[in-house]
């Protein structure tokens, strides 16, 4: 069976309709607590601003995943020294049929490589996934360590 090749690259304006479609698909999965669709306008900022980036993953000329990231300066974060830059993975989505093929891991590594090239030493990710155990395991496999935990309850 031939191995599927993926191309992970910086997104362009021409990719944003495909990314918005993936975001719509993600919202239908009902897997993120409080998920809100941001749309093309929001993704355009990741293409246009220097402190934001968006990468897409392609398979056979089809966009099958995306990751967005932004660069911040620490201000009172317990895990990043004050005024140090860090990269935050804002969103990561891979179409269901392309999951469990290391594509998400490769996309995370792309973001981390990008940060390393800019001499950034810290990375952070927040997730509101309803699949807490799965998402925790995924990011721990990428070398992330848990930092706190937050619970909620409806009264």
N, C-alpha and C. Protein backbone atom coordinates (compact mmCIF):
# COMPACT_ATOMS: atom_id res chain seq x y z
N UNK A 1 0.85 -1.18 0.00
CA UNK A 1 0.00 0.00 0.00
C UNK A 1 0.90 1.24 0.00
N UNK A 2 0.68 2.18 -0.92
CA UNK A 2 1.53 3.36 -0.97
C UNK A 2 1.31 4.27 0.24
N UNK A 3 2.40 4.86 0.69
CA UNK A 3 2.35 5.74 1.84
C UNK A 3 1.86 7.13 1.40
N UNK A 4 0.92 7.69 2.13
CA UNK A 4 0.40 9.01 1.81
C UNK A 4 1.42 10.07 2.20
N UNK A 5 1.69 10.96 1.28
CA UNK A 5 2.62 12.05 1.53
C UNK A 5 1.81 13.30 1.87
N UNK A 6 2.31 14.04 2.84
CA UNK A 6 1.66 15.28 3.25
C UNK A 6 2.62 16.43 3.04
N UNK A 7 2.06 17.56 2.68
CA UNK A 7 2.84 18.79 2.58
C UNK A 7 2.29 19.73 3.64
N UNK A 8 3.16 20.20 4.52
CA UNK A 8 2.76 21.20 5.51
C UNK A 8 3.46 22.49 5.12
N UNK A 9 2.69 23.54 4.93
CA UNK A 9 3.24 24.81 4.46
C UNK A 9 2.47 25.97 5.05
N UNK A 10 3.10 27.15 5.01
CA UNK A 10 2.39 28.35 5.44
C UNK A 10 1.19 28.56 4.53
N UNK A 11 0.09 28.94 5.12
CA UNK A 11 -1.13 29.18 4.34
C UNK A 11 -1.04 30.52 3.62
N UNK A 12 -1.79 30.61 2.55
CA UNK A 12 -1.94 31.87 1.82
C UNK A 12 -3.41 32.27 1.86
N UNK A 13 -3.70 33.45 1.38
CA UNK A 13 -5.10 33.91 1.32
C UNK A 13 -5.96 32.91 0.55
N UNK A 14 -5.38 32.27 -0.47
CA UNK A 14 -6.13 31.33 -1.31
C UNK A 14 -6.56 30.08 -0.54
N UNK A 15 -5.93 29.81 0.59
CA UNK A 15 -6.27 28.62 1.39
C UNK A 15 -7.40 28.87 2.38
N UNK A 16 -7.76 30.12 2.59
CA UNK A 16 -8.65 30.43 3.71
C UNK A 16 -10.06 29.87 3.57
N UNK A 17 -10.57 29.72 2.35
CA UNK A 17 -11.88 29.08 2.19
C UNK A 17 -11.82 27.63 2.65
N UNK A 18 -10.74 26.94 2.30
CA UNK A 18 -10.57 25.54 2.72
C UNK A 18 -10.44 25.44 4.24
N UNK A 19 -9.69 26.36 4.83
CA UNK A 19 -9.52 26.37 6.28
C UNK A 19 -10.87 26.65 6.96
N UNK A 20 -11.62 27.59 6.43
CA UNK A 20 -12.94 27.90 7.01
C UNK A 20 -13.87 26.69 6.91
N UNK A 21 -13.77 25.93 5.83
CA UNK A 21 -14.58 24.72 5.69
C UNK A 21 -14.18 23.69 6.75
N UNK A 22 -12.87 23.54 6.98
CA UNK A 22 -12.42 22.62 8.03
C UNK A 22 -12.91 23.07 9.40
N UNK A 23 -12.88 24.38 9.63
CA UNK A 23 -13.38 24.89 10.91
C UNK A 23 -14.87 24.56 11.07
N UNK A 24 -15.63 24.68 10.00
CA UNK A 24 -17.06 24.32 10.03
C UNK A 24 -17.22 22.83 10.36
N UNK A 25 -16.41 22.00 9.72
CA UNK A 25 -16.45 20.55 10.01
C UNK A 25 -16.16 20.29 11.48
N UNK A 26 -15.15 20.99 12.00
CA UNK A 26 -14.76 20.84 13.41
C UNK A 26 -15.93 21.19 14.32
N UNK A 27 -16.63 22.27 14.00
CA UNK A 27 -17.75 22.69 14.85
C UNK A 27 -18.84 21.62 14.89
N UNK A 28 -19.02 20.90 13.81
CA UNK A 28 -20.05 19.86 13.75
C UNK A 28 -19.69 18.63 14.57
N UNK A 29 -18.41 18.47 14.88
CA UNK A 29 -17.97 17.34 15.70
C UNK A 29 -18.39 17.49 17.16
N UNK A 30 -18.68 18.72 17.58
CA UNK A 30 -19.11 18.99 18.95
C UNK A 30 -18.10 18.44 19.97
N UNK A 31 -16.81 18.66 19.68
CA UNK A 31 -15.76 18.11 20.54
C UNK A 31 -15.02 19.17 21.35
N UNK A 32 -15.40 20.44 21.18
CA UNK A 32 -14.75 21.53 21.90
C UNK A 32 -15.81 22.29 22.69
N UNK A 33 -15.58 22.44 23.97
CA UNK A 33 -16.51 23.15 24.83
C UNK A 33 -16.47 24.63 24.50
N UNK A 34 -17.62 25.20 24.16
CA UNK A 34 -17.69 26.62 23.84
C UNK A 34 -17.13 26.98 22.48
N UNK A 35 -17.06 26.04 21.56
CA UNK A 35 -16.49 26.28 20.23
C UNK A 35 -17.26 27.39 19.52
N UNK A 36 -16.51 28.34 18.99
CA UNK A 36 -17.11 29.41 18.19
C UNK A 36 -16.40 29.47 16.86
N UNK A 37 -17.17 29.58 15.80
CA UNK A 37 -16.60 29.70 14.46
C UNK A 37 -16.07 31.11 14.29
N UNK A 38 -14.80 31.22 13.90
CA UNK A 38 -14.16 32.52 13.70
C UNK A 38 -14.26 32.99 12.26
N UNK A 39 -14.14 32.10 11.31
CA UNK A 39 -14.30 32.43 9.91
C UNK A 39 -13.07 33.01 9.24
N UNK A 40 -13.24 33.31 7.97
CA UNK A 40 -12.14 33.76 7.11
C UNK A 40 -11.50 35.04 7.63
N UNK A 41 -12.30 35.96 8.13
CA UNK A 41 -11.73 37.23 8.61
C UNK A 41 -10.69 36.99 9.71
N UNK A 42 -10.99 36.11 10.62
CA UNK A 42 -10.05 35.79 11.69
C UNK A 42 -8.80 35.11 11.14
N UNK A 43 -9.00 34.16 10.23
CA UNK A 43 -7.85 33.46 9.65
C UNK A 43 -6.98 34.40 8.82
N UNK A 44 -7.58 35.42 8.24
CA UNK A 44 -6.81 36.40 7.45
C UNK A 44 -5.74 37.07 8.31
N UNK A 45 -6.03 37.28 9.58
CA UNK A 45 -5.06 37.89 10.49
C UNK A 45 -3.83 37.00 10.65
N UNK A 46 -4.04 35.69 10.61
CA UNK A 46 -2.91 34.77 10.75
C UNK A 46 -2.01 34.79 9.51
N UNK A 47 -2.56 35.21 8.39
CA UNK A 47 -1.76 35.33 7.16
C UNK A 47 -1.05 36.68 7.13
N UNK A 48 -1.72 37.73 7.64
CA UNK A 48 -1.23 39.10 7.46
C UNK A 48 -0.32 39.61 8.57
N UNK A 49 -0.47 39.13 9.78
CA UNK A 49 0.28 39.71 10.91
C UNK A 49 1.56 38.93 11.18
N UNK A 50 2.60 39.65 11.57
CA UNK A 50 3.90 39.00 11.79
C UNK A 50 3.93 38.17 13.07
N UNK A 51 3.07 38.46 14.03
CA UNK A 51 3.08 37.70 15.28
C UNK A 51 2.09 36.53 15.26
N UNK A 52 1.50 36.26 14.11
CA UNK A 52 0.57 35.15 13.95
C UNK A 52 0.94 34.36 12.71
N UNK A 53 0.66 33.06 12.73
CA UNK A 53 0.95 32.21 11.58
C UNK A 53 -0.12 31.14 11.46
N UNK A 54 -0.32 30.70 10.25
CA UNK A 54 -1.22 29.58 9.99
C UNK A 54 -0.56 28.69 8.95
N UNK A 55 -0.55 27.39 9.25
CA UNK A 55 -0.02 26.39 8.33
C UNK A 55 -1.16 25.47 7.93
N UNK A 56 -1.08 24.97 6.73
CA UNK A 56 -2.04 23.98 6.27
C UNK A 56 -1.31 22.69 5.93
N UNK A 57 -2.02 21.60 6.06
CA UNK A 57 -1.52 20.29 5.65
C UNK A 57 -2.31 19.87 4.41
N UNK A 58 -1.58 19.47 3.39
CA UNK A 58 -2.21 19.04 2.15
C UNK A 58 -1.95 17.56 1.90
N UNK A 59 -2.93 16.93 1.31
CA UNK A 59 -2.79 15.57 0.80
C UNK A 59 -3.45 15.57 -0.57
N UNK A 60 -2.70 15.24 -1.59
CA UNK A 60 -3.22 15.21 -2.96
C UNK A 60 -3.91 16.53 -3.33
N UNK A 61 -3.24 17.64 -3.02
CA UNK A 61 -3.72 19.00 -3.34
C UNK A 61 -4.99 19.41 -2.60
N UNK A 62 -5.35 18.70 -1.55
CA UNK A 62 -6.51 19.04 -0.73
C UNK A 62 -6.02 19.42 0.67
N UNK A 63 -6.54 20.53 1.19
CA UNK A 63 -6.21 20.95 2.55
C UNK A 63 -6.98 20.05 3.51
N UNK A 64 -6.23 19.31 4.36
CA UNK A 64 -6.84 18.32 5.26
C UNK A 64 -6.61 18.65 6.73
N UNK A 65 -5.92 19.75 7.00
CA UNK A 65 -5.68 20.16 8.38
C UNK A 65 -5.07 21.54 8.43
N UNK A 66 -5.14 22.14 9.60
CA UNK A 66 -4.50 23.44 9.80
C UNK A 66 -4.09 23.60 11.25
N UNK A 67 -3.12 24.47 11.45
CA UNK A 67 -2.70 24.84 12.79
C UNK A 67 -2.44 26.34 12.79
N UNK A 68 -2.93 27.02 13.81
CA UNK A 68 -2.67 28.45 13.97
C UNK A 68 -1.83 28.64 15.23
N UNK A 69 -0.97 29.65 15.17
CA UNK A 69 -0.10 29.93 16.30
C UNK A 69 0.14 31.42 16.38
N UNK A 70 0.41 31.89 17.58
CA UNK A 70 0.71 33.32 17.77
C UNK A 70 1.85 33.45 18.78
N UNK A 71 2.60 34.53 18.60
CA UNK A 71 3.73 34.81 19.47
C UNK A 71 3.32 35.87 20.47
N UNK A 72 3.66 35.63 21.72
CA UNK A 72 3.33 36.55 22.82
C UNK A 72 4.58 36.82 23.64
N UNK A 73 4.49 37.81 24.50
CA UNK A 73 5.53 38.05 25.52
C UNK A 73 4.90 37.74 26.86
N UNK A 74 5.65 37.01 27.68
CA UNK A 74 5.13 36.59 28.97
C UNK A 74 4.89 37.78 29.89
N UNK A 75 3.79 37.70 30.57
CA UNK A 75 3.45 38.68 31.59
C UNK A 75 2.81 37.92 32.73
N UNK A 76 3.61 37.56 33.69
CA UNK A 76 3.13 36.86 34.88
C UNK A 76 2.67 35.43 34.62
N UNK A 77 3.31 34.74 33.68
CA UNK A 77 3.03 33.32 33.50
C UNK A 77 3.99 32.53 34.38
N UNK A 78 3.49 31.60 35.12
CA UNK A 78 4.33 30.83 36.04
C UNK A 78 5.36 29.97 35.32
N UNK A 79 5.09 29.62 34.07
CA UNK A 79 5.96 28.69 33.36
C UNK A 79 6.87 29.34 32.31
N UNK A 80 6.72 30.64 32.11
CA UNK A 80 7.56 31.38 31.16
C UNK A 80 8.09 32.62 31.89
N UNK A 81 9.41 32.80 31.90
CA UNK A 81 9.95 33.99 32.58
C UNK A 81 9.37 35.29 32.03
N UNK A 82 9.25 36.27 32.90
CA UNK A 82 8.67 37.56 32.55
C UNK A 82 9.37 38.18 31.35
N UNK A 83 8.58 38.67 30.42
CA UNK A 83 9.01 39.36 29.21
C UNK A 83 9.69 38.46 28.18
N UNK A 84 9.67 37.15 28.39
CA UNK A 84 10.22 36.21 27.40
C UNK A 84 9.15 35.93 26.34
N UNK A 85 9.56 35.79 25.09
CA UNK A 85 8.58 35.42 24.06
C UNK A 85 8.23 33.94 24.16
N UNK A 86 7.02 33.62 23.77
CA UNK A 86 6.61 32.22 23.67
C UNK A 86 5.61 32.08 22.53
N UNK A 87 5.55 30.91 21.97
CA UNK A 87 4.59 30.64 20.92
C UNK A 87 3.42 29.88 21.53
N UNK A 88 2.24 30.25 21.13
CA UNK A 88 1.04 29.56 21.60
C UNK A 88 0.33 28.94 20.41
N UNK A 89 0.07 27.65 20.52
CA UNK A 89 -0.72 26.98 19.50
C UNK A 89 -2.17 27.32 19.80
N UNK A 90 -2.79 28.05 18.88
CA UNK A 90 -4.16 28.51 19.11
C UNK A 90 -5.19 27.46 18.71
N UNK A 91 -5.02 26.89 17.53
CA UNK A 91 -5.94 25.86 17.04
C UNK A 91 -5.17 24.82 16.25
N UNK A 92 -5.60 23.59 16.35
CA UNK A 92 -5.04 22.50 15.56
C UNK A 92 -6.20 21.60 15.17
N UNK A 93 -6.37 21.40 13.88
CA UNK A 93 -7.45 20.54 13.41
C UNK A 93 -6.97 19.69 12.24
N UNK A 94 -7.30 18.42 12.29
CA UNK A 94 -7.02 17.49 11.21
C UNK A 94 -8.33 16.76 10.89
N UNK A 95 -8.66 16.67 9.61
CA UNK A 95 -9.87 15.96 9.20
C UNK A 95 -9.86 14.54 9.77
N UNK A 96 -11.02 14.04 10.19
CA UNK A 96 -11.07 12.73 10.84
C UNK A 96 -10.39 11.60 10.06
N UNK A 97 -10.53 11.58 8.76
CA UNK A 97 -9.95 10.48 7.98
C UNK A 97 -8.42 10.54 7.89
N UNK A 98 -7.83 11.64 8.35
CA UNK A 98 -6.37 11.79 8.33
C UNK A 98 -5.76 11.75 9.74
N UNK A 99 -6.57 11.46 10.73
CA UNK A 99 -6.08 11.36 12.10
C UNK A 99 -5.37 10.02 12.34
N UNK A 100 -4.59 9.98 13.40
CA UNK A 100 -3.84 8.78 13.78
C UNK A 100 -2.83 8.38 12.70
N UNK A 101 -2.34 9.36 11.97
CA UNK A 101 -1.32 9.13 10.94
C UNK A 101 -0.11 10.04 11.18
N UNK A 102 0.00 10.58 12.40
CA UNK A 102 1.09 11.47 12.81
C UNK A 102 1.04 12.84 12.16
N UNK A 103 -0.03 13.17 11.46
CA UNK A 103 -0.12 14.47 10.81
C UNK A 103 -0.23 15.60 11.82
N UNK A 104 -1.04 15.43 12.85
CA UNK A 104 -1.14 16.45 13.91
C UNK A 104 0.21 16.68 14.59
N UNK A 105 0.92 15.60 14.85
CA UNK A 105 2.25 15.71 15.47
C UNK A 105 3.20 16.48 14.57
N UNK A 106 3.16 16.21 13.28
CA UNK A 106 4.02 16.91 12.33
C UNK A 106 3.67 18.40 12.26
N UNK A 107 2.40 18.70 12.38
CA UNK A 107 1.98 20.11 12.34
C UNK A 107 2.46 20.84 13.60
N UNK A 108 2.35 20.20 14.75
CA UNK A 108 2.87 20.79 15.99
C UNK A 108 4.37 21.01 15.86
N UNK A 109 5.08 20.03 15.35
CA UNK A 109 6.53 20.16 15.19
C UNK A 109 6.89 21.30 14.23
N UNK A 110 6.07 21.53 13.22
CA UNK A 110 6.28 22.65 12.30
C UNK A 110 6.22 23.97 13.05
N UNK A 111 5.23 24.12 13.92
CA UNK A 111 5.10 25.34 14.73
C UNK A 111 6.32 25.49 15.64
N UNK A 112 6.71 24.41 16.30
CA UNK A 112 7.84 24.48 17.22
C UNK A 112 9.15 24.78 16.49
N UNK A 113 9.33 24.22 15.31
CA UNK A 113 10.52 24.53 14.50
C UNK A 113 10.54 26.01 14.12
N UNK A 114 9.39 26.53 13.74
CA UNK A 114 9.26 27.94 13.40
C UNK A 114 9.67 28.81 14.60
N UNK A 115 9.20 28.45 15.78
CA UNK A 115 9.54 29.21 16.99
C UNK A 115 11.03 29.12 17.28
N UNK A 116 11.60 27.92 17.16
CA UNK A 116 13.03 27.76 17.40
C UNK A 116 13.87 28.62 16.47
N UNK A 117 13.45 28.73 15.21
CA UNK A 117 14.19 29.55 14.25
C UNK A 117 14.19 31.03 14.66
N UNK A 118 13.19 31.41 15.44
CA UNK A 118 13.11 32.79 15.93
C UNK A 118 13.69 32.92 17.34
N UNK A 119 14.40 31.88 17.78
CA UNK A 119 15.04 31.86 19.10
C UNK A 119 14.04 31.89 20.25
N UNK A 120 12.84 31.44 20.01
CA UNK A 120 11.82 31.34 21.05
C UNK A 120 12.04 30.01 21.78
N UNK A 121 12.05 30.07 23.10
CA UNK A 121 12.39 28.90 23.91
C UNK A 121 11.19 28.24 24.59
N UNK A 122 10.02 28.84 24.47
CA UNK A 122 8.87 28.33 25.20
C UNK A 122 7.66 28.19 24.26
N UNK A 123 6.84 27.19 24.56
CA UNK A 123 5.61 26.98 23.80
C UNK A 123 4.49 26.65 24.77
N UNK A 124 3.29 27.02 24.39
CA UNK A 124 2.13 26.82 25.24
C UNK A 124 0.94 26.41 24.36
N UNK A 125 0.03 25.69 24.95
CA UNK A 125 -1.21 25.34 24.26
C UNK A 125 -2.31 25.25 25.30
N UNK A 126 -3.49 25.73 24.94
CA UNK A 126 -4.68 25.59 25.77
C UNK A 126 -5.68 24.80 24.94
N UNK A 127 -6.41 23.93 25.57
CA UNK A 127 -7.42 23.17 24.86
C UNK A 127 -8.72 23.15 25.65
N UNK A 128 -9.81 23.33 24.95
CA UNK A 128 -11.13 23.18 25.55
C UNK A 128 -11.80 21.91 25.01
N UNK A 129 -10.98 20.97 24.58
CA UNK A 129 -11.50 19.72 24.05
C UNK A 129 -12.30 18.97 25.12
N UNK A 130 -13.39 18.39 24.71
CA UNK A 130 -14.16 17.56 25.65
C UNK A 130 -13.52 16.18 25.82
N UNK A 131 -12.53 15.88 24.99
CA UNK A 131 -11.79 14.60 25.08
C UNK A 131 -10.49 14.85 25.83
N UNK A 132 -10.61 15.14 27.11
CA UNK A 132 -9.48 15.57 27.93
C UNK A 132 -8.35 14.55 27.93
N UNK A 133 -8.64 13.29 28.15
CA UNK A 133 -7.59 12.28 28.22
C UNK A 133 -6.84 12.17 26.88
N UNK A 134 -7.58 12.19 25.77
CA UNK A 134 -6.95 12.08 24.45
C UNK A 134 -6.07 13.28 24.15
N UNK A 135 -6.55 14.47 24.43
CA UNK A 135 -5.79 15.68 24.10
C UNK A 135 -4.58 15.81 25.02
N UNK A 136 -4.74 15.41 26.27
CA UNK A 136 -3.60 15.43 27.21
C UNK A 136 -2.51 14.49 26.73
N UNK A 137 -2.90 13.29 26.35
CA UNK A 137 -1.93 12.30 25.86
C UNK A 137 -1.25 12.81 24.58
N UNK A 138 -2.02 13.39 23.67
CA UNK A 138 -1.45 13.89 22.42
C UNK A 138 -0.37 14.93 22.69
N UNK A 139 -0.68 15.95 23.50
CA UNK A 139 0.30 17.01 23.74
C UNK A 139 1.46 16.54 24.61
N UNK A 140 1.22 15.64 25.53
CA UNK A 140 2.34 15.08 26.29
C UNK A 140 3.28 14.31 25.36
N UNK A 141 2.74 13.63 24.38
CA UNK A 141 3.57 12.93 23.40
C UNK A 141 4.39 13.91 22.55
N UNK A 142 3.97 15.17 22.51
CA UNK A 142 4.71 16.21 21.78
C UNK A 142 5.72 16.91 22.69
N UNK A 143 5.80 16.47 23.96
CA UNK A 143 6.76 17.04 24.90
C UNK A 143 6.20 18.12 25.80
N UNK A 144 4.92 18.42 25.69
CA UNK A 144 4.29 19.42 26.57
C UNK A 144 4.01 18.80 27.93
N UNK A 145 4.07 19.63 28.96
CA UNK A 145 3.76 19.20 30.31
C UNK A 145 2.51 19.93 30.79
N UNK A 146 1.65 19.25 31.53
CA UNK A 146 0.46 19.93 32.05
C UNK A 146 0.83 21.09 32.97
N UNK A 147 0.05 22.15 32.89
CA UNK A 147 0.24 23.31 33.76
C UNK A 147 -1.14 23.70 34.28
N UNK A 148 -1.45 23.21 35.44
CA UNK A 148 -2.74 23.52 36.06
C UNK A 148 -3.88 22.74 35.43
N UNK A 149 -5.02 22.89 35.99
CA UNK A 149 -6.23 22.26 35.49
C UNK A 149 -7.41 23.12 35.92
N UNK A 150 -8.40 23.19 35.08
CA UNK A 150 -9.57 23.99 35.40
C UNK A 150 -10.81 23.14 35.20
N UNK A 151 -11.74 23.23 36.11
CA UNK A 151 -12.99 22.49 36.04
C UNK A 151 -14.15 23.46 35.96
N UNK A 152 -15.27 22.98 35.50
CA UNK A 152 -16.48 23.80 35.51
C UNK A 152 -17.66 22.93 35.89
N UNK A 153 -18.69 23.59 36.33
CA UNK A 153 -19.91 22.88 36.74
C UNK A 153 -21.09 23.78 36.51
N UNK A 154 -22.13 23.24 35.97
CA UNK A 154 -23.38 23.99 35.79
C UNK A 154 -24.19 23.87 37.08
N UNK A 155 -24.70 25.00 37.55
CA UNK A 155 -25.51 25.01 38.78
C UNK A 155 -26.97 25.26 38.48
